[in-house]
Amino acid sequence: MDKVLEKGAQASAIREKDPERFPKVIFGPFTMGGEAKSFVVYETDNPDQLWNVALHYVPVVKWKFVPIQESARNVELYQKMKK
């Protein structure tokens, strides 16, 4: 846990000096009760920012990125795929 906190402090300092390096935090981080898992919601149009944040925490944190989209957009993409 100490290593995660240290990396978090470093990330905050980097974010202040270079706000474009990491994605924008929308909300979080939140810890899942009783587990060593947490989540953060980021917003970005630049996938490199996701890589930057993940690489910053390696090997201390294992990341999993899950895209969140509006359902209407998913239906639109699905219908285009079927053509």
PDB file of N, CA and C in Angstrom:
ATOM      1  N   MET A   1       0.823  -1.190   0.000  1.00  0.00           N
ATOM      2  CA  MET A   1       0.000   0.000   0.000  1.00  0.00           C
ATOM      3  C   MET A   1       0.873   1.263   0.000  1.00  0.00           C
ATOM      4  N   ASP A   2       1.991   1.229   0.726  1.00  0.00           N
ATOM      5  CA  ASP A   2       2.875   2.394   0.775  1.00  0.00           C
ATOM      6  C   ASP A   2       3.399   2.752  -0.613  1.00  0.00           C
ATOM      7  N   LYS A   3       3.703   1.727  -1.411  1.00  0.00           N
ATOM      8  CA  LYS A   3       4.222   1.978  -2.759  1.00  0.00           C
ATOM      9  C   LYS A   3       3.152   2.625  -3.644  1.00  0.00           C
ATOM     10  N   VAL A   4       1.902   2.201  -3.472  1.00  0.00           N
ATOM     11  CA  VAL A   4       0.799   2.784  -4.238  1.00  0.00           C
ATOM     12  C   VAL A   4       0.618   4.251  -3.851  1.00  0.00           C
ATOM     13  N   LEU A   5       0.666   4.534  -2.564  1.00  0.00           N
ATOM     14  CA  LEU A   5       0.526   5.914  -2.094  1.00  0.00           C
ATOM     15  C   LEU A   5       1.663   6.795  -2.613  1.00  0.00           C
ATOM     16  N   GLU A   6       2.868   6.246  -2.623  1.00  0.00           N
ATOM     17  CA  GLU A   6       4.020   6.985  -3.133  1.00  0.00           C
ATOM     18  C   GLU A   6       3.851   7.294  -4.623  1.00  0.00           C
ATOM     19  N   LYS A   7       3.425   6.288  -5.383  1.00  0.00           N
ATOM     20  CA  LYS A   7       3.198   6.490  -6.814  1.00  0.00           C
ATOM     21  C   LYS A   7       2.080   7.511  -7.044  1.00  0.00           C
ATOM     22  N   GLY A   8       1.046   7.475  -6.199  1.00  0.00           N
ATOM     23  CA  GLY A   8      -0.051   8.431  -6.308  1.00  0.00           C
ATOM     24  C   GLY A   8       0.415   9.860  -6.079  1.00  0.00           C
ATOM     25  N   ALA A   9       1.273  10.057  -5.095  1.00  0.00           N
ATOM     26  CA  ALA A   9       1.825  11.390  -4.816  1.00  0.00           C
ATOM     27  C   ALA A   9       2.681  11.860  -5.994  1.00  0.00           C
ATOM     28  N   GLN A  10       3.457  10.953  -6.568  1.00  0.00           N
ATOM     29  CA  GLN A  10       4.271  11.302  -7.730  1.00  0.00           C
ATOM     30  C   GLN A  10       3.381  11.692  -8.915  1.00  0.00           C
ATOM     31  N   ALA A  11       2.299  10.927  -9.118  1.00  0.00           N
ATOM     32  CA  ALA A  11       1.379  11.215 -10.221  1.00  0.00           C
ATOM     33  C   ALA A  11       0.738  12.594 -10.048  1.00  0.00           C
ATOM     34  N   SER A  12       0.380  12.943  -8.822  1.00  0.00           N
ATOM     35  CA  SER A  12      -0.205  14.270  -8.563  1.00  0.00           C
ATOM     36  C   SER A  12       0.774  15.380  -8.901  1.00  0.00           C
ATOM     37  N   ALA A  13       2.032  15.188  -8.535  1.00  0.00           N
ATOM     38  CA  ALA A  13       3.056  16.189  -8.838  1.00  0.00           C
ATOM     39  C   ALA A  13       3.266  16.314 -10.348  1.00  0.00           C
ATOM     40  N   ILE A  14       3.288  15.191 -11.038  1.00  0.00           N
ATOM     41  CA  ILE A  14       3.444  15.199 -12.496  1.00  0.00           C
ATOM     42  C   ILE A  14       2.244  15.886 -13.141  1.00  0.00           C
ATOM     43  N   ARG A  15       1.047  15.579 -12.649  1.00  0.00           N
ATOM     44  CA  ARG A  15      -0.184  16.159 -13.200  1.00  0.00           C
ATOM     45  C   ARG A  15      -0.175  17.689 -13.082  1.00  0.00           C
ATOM     46  N   GLU A  16       0.371  18.208 -11.993  1.00  0.00           N
ATOM     47  CA  GLU A  16       0.449  19.661 -11.809  1.00  0.00           C
ATOM     48  C   GLU A  16       1.388  20.306 -12.830  1.00  0.00           C
ATOM     49  N   LYS A  17       2.516  19.655 -13.099  1.00  0.00           N
ATOM     50  CA  LYS A  17       3.505  20.204 -14.029  1.00  0.00           C
ATOM     51  C   LYS A  17       3.139  19.956 -15.492  1.00  0.00           C
ATOM     52  N   ASP A  18       2.497  18.820 -15.752  1.00  0.00           N
ATOM     53  CA  ASP A  18       2.180  18.415 -17.127  1.00  0.00           C
ATOM     54  C   ASP A  18       0.765  17.833 -17.172  1.00  0.00           C
ATOM     55  N   PRO A  19      -0.271  18.690 -17.174  1.00  0.00           N
ATOM     56  CA  PRO A  19      -1.650  18.209 -17.092  1.00  0.00           C
ATOM     57  C   PRO A  19      -2.099  17.347 -18.274  1.00  0.00           C
ATOM     58  N   GLU A  20      -1.373  17.390 -19.375  1.00  0.00           N
ATOM     59  CA  GLU A  20      -1.750  16.589 -20.547  1.00  0.00           C
ATOM     60  C   GLU A  20      -1.139  15.191 -20.539  1.00  0.00           C
ATOM     61  N   ARG A  21      -0.300  14.893 -19.578  1.00  0.00           N
ATOM     62  CA  ARG A  21       0.377  13.588 -19.563  1.00  0.00           C
ATOM     63  C   ARG A  21      -0.577  12.450 -19.205  1.00  0.00           C
ATOM     64  N   PHE A  22      -1.452  12.686 -18.234  1.00  0.00           N
ATOM     65  CA  PHE A  22      -2.394  11.657 -17.775  1.00  0.00           C
ATOM     66  C   PHE A  22      -3.823  12.069 -18.124  1.00  0.00           C
ATOM     67  N   PRO A  23      -4.742  11.103 -18.211  1.00  0.00           N
ATOM     68  CA  PRO A  23      -6.126  11.453 -18.507  1.00  0.00           C
ATOM     69  C   PRO A  23      -6.782  12.215 -17.352  1.00  0.00           C
ATOM     70  N   LYS A  24      -7.836  12.935 -17.682  1.00  0.00           N
ATOM     71  CA  LYS A  24      -8.586  13.698 -16.681  1.00  0.00           C
ATOM     72  C   LYS A  24      -9.371  12.742 -15.785  1.00  0.00           C
ATOM     73  N   VAL A  25      -9.282  12.937 -14.472  1.00  0.00           N
ATOM     74  CA  VAL A  25     -10.051  12.129 -13.523  1.00  0.00           C
ATOM     75  C   VAL A  25     -11.452  12.722 -13.420  1.00  0.00           C
ATOM     76  N   ILE A  26     -12.463  11.936 -13.740  1.00  0.00           N
ATOM     77  CA  ILE A  26     -13.852  12.377 -13.637  1.00  0.00           C
ATOM     78  C   ILE A  26     -14.353  12.170 -12.211  1.00  0.00           C
ATOM     79  N   PHE A  27     -14.141  10.966 -11.666  1.00  0.00           N
ATOM     80  CA  PHE A  27     -14.380  10.733 -10.241  1.00  0.00           C
ATOM     81  C   PHE A  27     -13.605   9.515  -9.784  1.00  0.00           C
ATOM     82  N   GLY A  28     -13.351   9.498  -8.494  1.00  0.00           N
ATOM     83  CA  GLY A  28     -12.556   8.433  -7.914  1.00  0.00           C
ATOM     84  C   GLY A  28     -11.204   8.978  -7.510  1.00  0.00           C
ATOM     85  N   PRO A  29     -10.336   8.142  -7.062  1.00  0.00           N
ATOM     86  CA  PRO A  29     -10.458   6.684  -6.962  1.00  0.00           C
ATOM     87  C   PRO A  29     -11.347   6.243  -5.795  1.00  0.00           C
ATOM     88  N   PHE A  30     -11.996   5.113  -6.009  1.00  0.00           N
ATOM     89  CA  PHE A  30     -12.835   4.480  -5.005  1.00  0.00           C
ATOM     90  C   PHE A  30     -12.315   3.079  -4.729  1.00  0.00           C
ATOM     91  N   THR A  31     -12.374   2.664  -3.486  1.00  0.00           N
ATOM     92  CA  THR A  31     -11.953   1.320  -3.110  1.00  0.00           C
ATOM     93  C   THR A  31     -13.188   0.439  -2.972  1.00  0.00           C
ATOM     94  N   MET A  32     -13.075  -0.790  -3.463  1.00  0.00           N
ATOM     95  CA  MET A  32     -14.165  -1.756  -3.331  1.00  0.00           C
ATOM     96  C   MET A  32     -14.056  -2.398  -1.964  1.00  0.00           C
ATOM     97  N   GLY A  33     -15.112  -2.318  -1.199  1.00  0.00           N
ATOM     98  CA  GLY A  33     -15.119  -2.763   0.191  1.00  0.00           C
ATOM     99  C   GLY A  33     -14.500  -4.125   0.434  1.00  0.00           C
ATOM    100  N   GLY A  34     -13.519  -4.162   1.329  1.00  0.00           N
ATOM    101  CA  GLY A  34     -12.912  -5.411   1.756  1.00  0.00           C
ATOM    102  C   GLY A  34     -11.952  -6.040   0.761  1.00  0.00           C
ATOM    103  N   GLU A  35     -11.701  -5.377  -0.361  1.00  0.00           N
ATOM    104  CA  GLU A  35     -10.814  -5.943  -1.373  1.00  0.00           C
ATOM    105  C   GLU A  35      -9.651  -4.996  -1.645  1.00  0.00           C
ATOM    106  N   ALA A  36      -8.603  -5.542  -2.212  1.00  0.00           N
ATOM    107  CA  ALA A  36      -7.459  -4.719  -2.616  1.00  0.00           C
ATOM    108  C   ALA A  36      -7.666  -4.275  -4.062  1.00  0.00           C
ATOM    109  N   LYS A  37      -8.884  -3.816  -4.364  1.00  0.00           N
ATOM    110  CA  LYS A  37      -9.221  -3.345  -5.707  1.00  0.00           C
ATOM    111  C   LYS A  37      -9.839  -1.965  -5.588  1.00  0.00           C
ATOM    112  N   SER A  38      -9.605  -1.169  -6.610  1.00  0.00           N
ATOM    113  CA  SER A  38     -10.217   0.152  -6.652  1.00  0.00           C
ATOM    114  C   SER A  38     -10.508   0.500  -8.100  1.00  0.00           C
ATOM    115  N   PHE A  39     -11.204   1.616  -8.299  1.00  0.00           N
ATOM    116  CA  PHE A  39     -11.446   2.069  -9.663  1.00  0.00           C
ATOM    117  C   PHE A  39     -11.477   3.594  -9.723  1.00  0.00           C
ATOM    118  N   VAL A  40     -11.185   4.086 -10.915  1.00  0.00           N
ATOM    119  CA  VAL A  40     -11.181   5.514 -11.225  1.00  0.00           C
ATOM    120  C   VAL A  40     -11.861   5.662 -12.578  1.00  0.00           C
ATOM    121  N   VAL A  41     -12.636   6.712 -12.758  1.00  0.00           N
ATOM    122  CA  VAL A  41     -13.212   7.006 -14.068  1.00  0.00           C
ATOM    123  C   VAL A  41     -12.412   8.158 -14.667  1.00  0.00           C
ATOM    124  N   TYR A  42     -11.819   7.886 -15.833  1.00  0.00           N
ATOM    125  CA  TYR A  42     -11.026   8.870 -16.560  1.00  0.00           C
ATOM    126  C   TYR A  42     -11.782   9.307 -17.811  1.00  0.00           C
ATOM    127  N   GLU A  43     -11.449  10.497 -18.293  1.00  0.00           N
ATOM    128  CA  GLU A  43     -11.960  10.982 -19.570  1.00  0.00           C
ATOM    129  C   GLU A  43     -10.764  11.379 -20.424  1.00  0.00           C
ATOM    130  N   THR A  44     -10.726  10.862 -21.653  1.00  0.00           N
ATOM    131  CA  THR A  44      -9.644  11.225 -22.563  1.00  0.00           C
ATOM    132  C   THR A  44     -10.032  10.900 -23.996  1.00  0.00           C
ATOM    133  N   ASP A  45      -9.488  11.674 -24.910  1.00  0.00           N
ATOM    134  CA  ASP A  45      -9.577  11.370 -26.340  1.00  0.00           C
ATOM    135  C   ASP A  45      -8.253  10.817 -26.834  1.00  0.00           C
ATOM    136  N   ASN A  46      -7.285  10.718 -25.930  1.00  0.00           N
ATOM    137  CA  ASN A  46      -5.934  10.315 -26.287  1.00  0.00           C
ATOM    138  C   ASN A  46      -5.558   9.030 -25.542  1.00  0.00           C
ATOM    139  N   PRO A  47      -5.554   7.886 -26.222  1.00  0.00           N
ATOM    140  CA  PRO A  47      -5.219   6.628 -25.556  1.00  0.00           C
ATOM    141  C   PRO A  47      -3.811   6.601 -24.958  1.00  0.00           C
ATOM    142  N   ASP A  48      -2.921   7.440 -25.466  1.00  0.00           N
ATOM    143  CA  ASP A  48      -1.574   7.503 -24.895  1.00  0.00           C
ATOM    144  C   ASP A  48      -1.607   7.924 -23.426  1.00  0.00           C
ATOM    145  N   GLN A  49      -2.579   8.745 -23.057  1.00  0.00           N
ATOM    146  CA  GLN A  49      -2.695   9.165 -21.662  1.00  0.00           C
ATOM    147  C   GLN A  49      -3.003   7.975 -20.752  1.00  0.00           C
ATOM    148  N   LEU A  50      -3.794   7.028 -21.241  1.00  0.00           N
ATOM    149  CA  LEU A  50      -4.082   5.824 -20.456  1.00  0.00           C
ATOM    150  C   LEU A  50      -2.816   4.990 -20.278  1.00  0.00           C
ATOM    151  N   TRP A  51      -2.040   4.884 -21.349  1.00  0.00           N
ATOM    152  CA  TRP A  51      -0.763   4.164 -21.249  1.00  0.00           C
ATOM    153  C   TRP A  51       0.174   4.860 -20.276  1.00  0.00           C
ATOM    154  N   ASN A  52       0.203   6.192 -20.328  1.00  0.00           N
ATOM    155  CA  ASN A  52       1.094   6.931 -19.430  1.00  0.00           C
ATOM    156  C   ASN A  52       0.764   6.669 -17.967  1.00  0.00           C
ATOM    157  N   VAL A  53      -0.517   6.675 -17.626  1.00  0.00           N
ATOM    158  CA  VAL A  53      -0.882   6.452 -16.224  1.00  0.00           C
ATOM    159  C   VAL A  53      -0.604   5.000 -15.834  1.00  0.00           C
ATOM    160  N   ALA A  54      -0.887   4.060 -16.720  1.00  0.00           N
ATOM    161  CA  ALA A  54      -0.627   2.654 -16.412  1.00  0.00           C
ATOM    162  C   ALA A  54       0.871   2.405 -16.228  1.00  0.00           C
ATOM    163  N   LEU A  55       1.679   2.939 -17.139  1.00  0.00           N
ATOM    164  CA  LEU A  55       3.127   2.748 -17.050  1.00  0.00           C
ATOM    165  C   LEU A  55       3.729   3.425 -15.826  1.00  0.00           C
ATOM    166  N   HIS A  56       3.133   4.522 -15.412  1.00  0.00           N
ATOM    167  CA  HIS A  56       3.626   5.209 -14.214  1.00  0.00           C
ATOM    168  C   HIS A  56       3.552   4.291 -12.990  1.00  0.00           C
ATOM    169  N   TYR A  57       2.491   3.502 -12.898  1.00  0.00           N
ATOM    170  CA  TYR A  57       2.269   2.668 -11.714  1.00  0.00           C
ATOM    171  C   TYR A  57       2.881   1.272 -11.812  1.00  0.00           C
ATOM    172  N   VAL A  58       3.411   0.870 -12.984  1.00  0.00           N
ATOM    173  CA  VAL A  58       4.029  -0.455 -13.135  1.00  0.00           C
ATOM    174  C   VAL A  58       5.268  -0.529 -12.255  1.00  0.00           C
ATOM    175  N   PRO A  59       5.546  -1.592 -11.565  1.00  0.00           N
ATOM    176  CA  PRO A  59       4.797  -2.831 -11.399  1.00  0.00           C
ATOM    177  C   PRO A  59       3.915  -2.842 -10.146  1.00  0.00           C
ATOM    178  N   VAL A  60       3.674  -1.681  -9.573  1.00  0.00           N
ATOM    179  CA  VAL A  60       2.959  -1.603  -8.294  1.00  0.00           C
ATOM    180  C   VAL A  60       1.470  -1.902  -8.439  1.00  0.00           C
ATOM    181  N   VAL A  61       0.865  -1.459  -9.544  1.00  0.00           N
ATOM    182  CA  VAL A  61      -0.571  -1.610  -9.752  1.00  0.00           C
ATOM    183  C   VAL A  61      -0.813  -2.305 -11.081  1.00  0.00           C
ATOM    184  N   LYS A  62      -1.756  -3.238 -11.084  1.00  0.00           N
ATOM    185  CA  LYS A  62      -2.189  -3.900 -12.319  1.00  0.00           C
ATOM    186  C   LYS A  62      -3.450  -3.178 -12.800  1.00  0.00           C
ATOM    187  N   TRP A  63      -3.426  -2.685 -14.038  1.00  0.00           N
ATOM    188  CA  TRP A  63      -4.531  -1.900 -14.575  1.00  0.00           C
ATOM    189  C   TRP A  63      -5.388  -2.713 -15.529  1.00  0.00           C
ATOM    190  N   LYS A  64      -6.656  -2.379 -15.549  1.00  0.00           N
ATOM    191  CA  LYS A  64      -7.595  -2.904 -16.537  1.00  0.00           C
ATOM    192  C   LYS A  64      -8.457  -1.728 -16.966  1.00  0.00           C
ATOM    193  N   PHE A  65      -8.438  -1.395 -18.253  1.00  0.00           N
ATOM    194  CA  PHE A  65      -9.223  -0.283 -18.765  1.00  0.00           C
ATOM    195  C   PHE A  65     -10.474  -0.818 -19.449  1.00  0.00           C
ATOM    196  N   VAL A  66     -11.616  -0.261 -19.082  1.00  0.00           N
ATOM    197  CA  VAL A  66     -12.893  -0.668 -19.644  1.00  0.00           C
ATOM    198  C   VAL A  66     -13.554   0.577 -20.235  1.00  0.00           C
ATOM    199  N   PRO A  67     -13.761   0.601 -21.556  1.00  0.00           N
ATOM    200  CA  PRO A  67     -14.408   1.771 -22.151  1.00  0.00           C
ATOM    201  C   PRO A  67     -15.884   1.826 -21.761  1.00  0.00           C
ATOM    202  N   ILE A  68     -16.369   3.018 -21.505  1.00  0.00           N
ATOM    203  CA  ILE A  68     -17.771   3.235 -21.183  1.00  0.00           C
ATOM    204  C   ILE A  68     -18.334   4.162 -22.254  1.00  0.00           C
ATOM    205  N   GLN A  69     -19.375   3.697 -22.925  1.00  0.00           N
ATOM    206  CA  GLN A  69     -19.993   4.485 -23.984  1.00  0.00           C
ATOM    207  C   GLN A  69     -21.493   4.534 -23.773  1.00  0.00           C
ATOM    208  N   GLU A  70     -22.126   5.494 -24.427  1.00  0.00           N
ATOM    209  CA  GLU A  70     -23.578   5.567 -24.398  1.00  0.00           C
ATOM    210  C   GLU A  70     -24.138   4.388 -25.174  1.00  0.00           C
ATOM    211  N   SER A  71     -25.222   3.805 -24.692  1.00  0.00           N
ATOM    212  CA  SER A  71     -25.835   2.643 -25.345  1.00  0.00           C
ATOM    213  C   SER A  71     -26.239   2.944 -26.773  1.00  0.00           C
ATOM    214  N   ALA A  72     -26.750   4.139 -27.026  1.00  0.00           N
ATOM    215  CA  ALA A  72     -27.169   4.498 -28.380  1.00  0.00           C
ATOM    216  C   ALA A  72     -26.001   4.403 -29.352  1.00  0.00           C
ATOM    217  N   ARG A  73     -24.809   4.795 -28.914  1.00  0.00           N
ATOM    218  CA  ARG A  73     -23.622   4.717 -29.772  1.00  0.00           C
ATOM    219  C   ARG A  73     -23.263   3.261 -30.054  1.00  0.00           C
ATOM    220  N   ASN A  74     -23.385   2.399 -29.061  1.00  0.00           N
ATOM    221  CA  ASN A  74     -23.107   0.975 -29.265  1.00  0.00           C
ATOM    222  C   ASN A  74     -24.063   0.369 -30.283  1.00  0.00           C
ATOM    223  N   VAL A  75     -25.354   0.723 -30.216  1.00  0.00           N
ATOM    224  CA  VAL A  75     -26.349   0.223 -31.165  1.00  0.00           C
ATOM    225  C   VAL A  75     -26.005   0.703 -32.573  1.00  0.00           C
ATOM    226  N   GLU A  76     -25.630   1.965 -32.693  1.00  0.00           N
ATOM    227  CA  GLU A  76     -25.258   2.522 -33.994  1.00  0.00           C
ATOM    228  C   GLU A  76     -24.073   1.769 -34.598  1.00  0.00           C
ATOM    229  N   LEU A  77     -23.046   1.523 -33.795  1.00  0.00           N
ATOM    230  CA  LEU A  77     -21.876   0.800 -34.290  1.00  0.00           C
ATOM    231  C   LEU A  77     -22.231  -0.649 -34.665  1.00  0.00           C
ATOM    232  N   TYR A  78     -23.063  -1.268 -33.857  1.00  0.00           N
ATOM    233  CA  TYR A  78     -23.482  -2.644 -34.124  1.00  0.00           C
ATOM    234  C   TYR A  78     -24.240  -2.728 -35.458  1.00  0.00           C
ATOM    235  N   GLN A  79     -25.143  -1.787 -35.684  1.00  0.00           N
ATOM    236  CA  GLN A  79     -25.922  -1.809 -36.927  1.00  0.00           C
ATOM    237  C   GLN A  79     -25.035  -1.554 -38.140  1.00  0.00           C
ATOM    238  N   LYS A  80     -24.028  -0.699 -38.017  1.00  0.00           N
ATOM    239  CA  LYS A  80     -23.092  -0.484 -39.121  1.00  0.00           C
ATOM    240  C   LYS A  80     -22.284  -1.749 -39.399  1.00  0.00           C
ATOM    241  N   MET A  81     -21.922  -2.467 -38.341  1.00  0.00           N
ATOM    242  CA  MET A  81     -21.134  -3.682 -38.480  1.00  0.00           C
ATOM    243  C   MET A  81     -21.910  -4.761 -39.235  1.00  0.00           C
ATOM    244  N   LYS A  82     -23.218  -4.811 -39.055  1.00  0.00           N
ATOM    245  CA  LYS A  82     -24.044  -5.842 -39.685  1.00  0.00           C
ATOM    246  C   LYS A  82     -24.185  -5.655 -41.189  1.00  0.00           C
ATOM    247  N   LYS A  83     -23.948  -4.443 -41.691  1.00  0.00           N
ATOM    248  CA  LYS A  83     -24.146  -4.165 -43.121  1.00  0.00           C
ATOM    249  C   LYS A  83     -23.062  -4.791 -43.961  1.00  0.00           C
TER     250      LYS A  83
END
